[in-house]
Amino acid sequence: PRVGPRRAPSVFYPCGWRDDEPVQELLSAARATPEITFYVSGRAKEMGEMPPNVILTGFLSADEYVAYLKASD
C-alpha cells in the first residue's frame, strides 16, 4: 500500500478543566515542543493565550473521542 507523507506528531489530552488537572504543565510542554500538536478536549476555561500548537476540540462525542485517541501518538 502507498504511504502518505508523515504527519506531525500529536498528543490528545482529555481534559475536564478542573482545578486539580495539570493544564498549566500541559501548556508549558506545548510551548517547549512546537513541533507537536496538542489536541485538548472538554469545555475550556479562559486560560489566556494558548500556544499555536494547542487545538481545543470542545466537547467530543464518544466516536470523536475514540478517533482522537487512535490518531494521537
C-alpha atoms as a PDB file:
ATOM      1  CA  PRO A   1       0.000   0.000   0.000  1.00  0.00           C
ATOM      2  CA  ARG A   2       1.060   3.560  -0.632  1.00  0.00           C
ATOM      3  CA  VAL A   3       2.042   5.508   2.452  1.00  0.00           C
ATOM      4  CA  GLY A   4       1.283   9.236   2.633  1.00  0.00           C
ATOM      5  CA  PRO A   5       3.598  11.914   3.986  1.00  0.00           C
ATOM      6  CA  ARG A   6       4.441  11.749   7.668  1.00  0.00           C
ATOM      7  CA  ARG A   7       2.074  13.890   9.672  1.00  0.00           C
ATOM      8  CA  ALA A   8       3.234  15.944  12.624  1.00  0.00           C
ATOM      9  CA  PRO A   9       3.277  14.072  15.950  1.00  0.00           C
ATOM     10  CA  SER A  10       0.282  14.745  18.151  1.00  0.00           C
ATOM     11  CA  VAL A  11      -0.916  14.369  21.715  1.00  0.00           C
ATOM     12  CA  PHE A  12      -4.535  14.023  22.783  1.00  0.00           C
ATOM     13  CA  TYR A  13      -5.307  15.254  26.300  1.00  0.00           C
ATOM     14  CA  PRO A  14      -8.822  14.511  27.579  1.00  0.00           C
ATOM     15  CA  CYS A  15      -9.491  17.385  29.938  1.00  0.00           C
ATOM     16  CA  GLY A  16     -12.264  18.158  32.374  1.00  0.00           C
ATOM     17  CA  TRP A  17     -10.811  21.628  33.051  1.00  0.00           C
ATOM     18  CA  ARG A  18     -10.922  21.124  36.807  1.00  0.00           C
ATOM     19  CA  ASP A  19      -8.556  22.921  39.158  1.00  0.00           C
ATOM     20  CA  ASP A  20      -6.705  19.697  40.030  1.00  0.00           C
ATOM     21  CA  GLU A  21      -5.698  18.930  36.421  1.00  0.00           C
ATOM     22  CA  PRO A  22      -2.182  19.808  35.188  1.00  0.00           C
ATOM     23  CA  VAL A  23      -3.351  22.172  32.448  1.00  0.00           C
ATOM     24  CA  GLN A  24      -0.594  24.742  33.038  1.00  0.00           C
ATOM     25  CA  GLU A  25       2.014  21.985  32.809  1.00  0.00           C
ATOM     26  CA  LEU A  26       0.454  20.782  29.547  1.00  0.00           C
ATOM     27  CA  LEU A  27       0.604  24.315  28.121  1.00  0.00           C
ATOM     28  CA  SER A  28       4.242  24.619  29.207  1.00  0.00           C
ATOM     29  CA  ALA A  29       5.018  21.340  27.446  1.00  0.00           C
ATOM     30  CA  ALA A  30       3.257  22.600  24.319  1.00  0.00           C
ATOM     31  CA  ARG A  31       5.298  25.807  24.340  1.00  0.00           C
ATOM     32  CA  ALA A  32       8.502  23.773  24.712  1.00  0.00           C
ATOM     33  CA  THR A  33       7.648  21.426  21.807  1.00  0.00           C
ATOM     34  CA  PRO A  34       6.176  23.475  18.952  1.00  0.00           C
ATOM     35  CA  GLU A  35       6.670  20.561  16.532  1.00  0.00           C
ATOM     36  CA  ILE A  36       3.956  18.577  18.361  1.00  0.00           C
ATOM     37  CA  THR A  37       0.242  19.341  18.034  1.00  0.00           C
ATOM     38  CA  PHE A  38      -1.723  19.090  21.287  1.00  0.00           C
ATOM     39  CA  TYR A  39      -5.454  18.374  20.993  1.00  0.00           C
ATOM     40  CA  VAL A  40      -7.253  19.199  24.250  1.00  0.00           C
ATOM     41  CA  SER A  41     -10.852  18.125  24.761  1.00  0.00           C
ATOM     42  CA  GLY A  42     -13.546  19.423  27.056  1.00  0.00           C
ATOM     43  CA  ARG A  43     -15.132  22.786  27.597  1.00  0.00           C
ATOM     44  CA  ALA A  44     -12.172  25.070  28.159  1.00  0.00           C
ATOM     45  CA  LYS A  45     -11.968  27.735  30.809  1.00  0.00           C
ATOM     46  CA  GLU A  46     -10.433  31.063  29.918  1.00  0.00           C
ATOM     47  CA  MET A  47      -6.714  30.357  30.115  1.00  0.00           C
ATOM     48  CA  GLY A  48      -5.310  33.362  28.319  1.00  0.00           C
ATOM     49  CA  GLU A  49      -3.396  32.985  25.088  1.00  0.00           C
ATOM     50  CA  MET A  50      -2.892  29.390  24.000  1.00  0.00           C
ATOM     51  CA  PRO A  51       0.267  28.262  22.224  1.00  0.00           C
ATOM     52  CA  PRO A  52      -0.363  27.968  18.460  1.00  0.00           C
ATOM     53  CA  ASN A  53       0.151  24.187  18.568  1.00  0.00           C
ATOM     54  CA  VAL A  54      -2.718  23.679  21.045  1.00  0.00           C
ATOM     55  CA  ILE A  55      -6.081  22.926  19.466  1.00  0.00           C
ATOM     56  CA  LEU A  56      -9.141  22.984  21.709  1.00  0.00           C
ATOM     57  CA  THR A  57     -11.651  20.420  20.449  1.00  0.00           C
ATOM     58  CA  GLY A  58     -14.534  21.269  22.756  1.00  0.00           C
ATOM     59  CA  PHE A  59     -16.850  18.525  23.904  1.00  0.00           C
ATOM     60  CA  LEU A  60     -16.478  15.344  21.819  1.00  0.00           C
ATOM     61  CA  SER A  61     -18.951  12.587  21.071  1.00  0.00           C
ATOM     62  CA  ALA A  62     -17.867   9.076  22.035  1.00  0.00           C
ATOM     63  CA  ASP A  63     -16.922   8.301  18.421  1.00  0.00           C
ATOM     64  CA  GLU A  64     -14.902  11.513  18.071  1.00  0.00           C
ATOM     65  CA  TYR A  65     -13.160  10.819  21.381  1.00  0.00           C
ATOM     66  CA  VAL A  66     -12.085   7.354  20.231  1.00  0.00           C
ATOM     67  CA  ALA A  67     -10.937   8.756  16.880  1.00  0.00           C
ATOM     68  CA  TYR A  68      -8.670  11.288  18.617  1.00  0.00           C
ATOM     69  CA  LEU A  69      -7.266   8.570  20.879  1.00  0.00           C
ATOM     70  CA  LYS A  70      -6.480   6.326  17.915  1.00  0.00           C
ATOM     71  CA  ALA A  71      -4.947   9.133  15.844  1.00  0.00           C
ATOM     72  CA  SER A  72      -2.657  10.501  18.557  1.00  0.00           C
ATOM     73  CA  ASP A  73       0.907   9.416  19.195  1.00  0.00           C
END
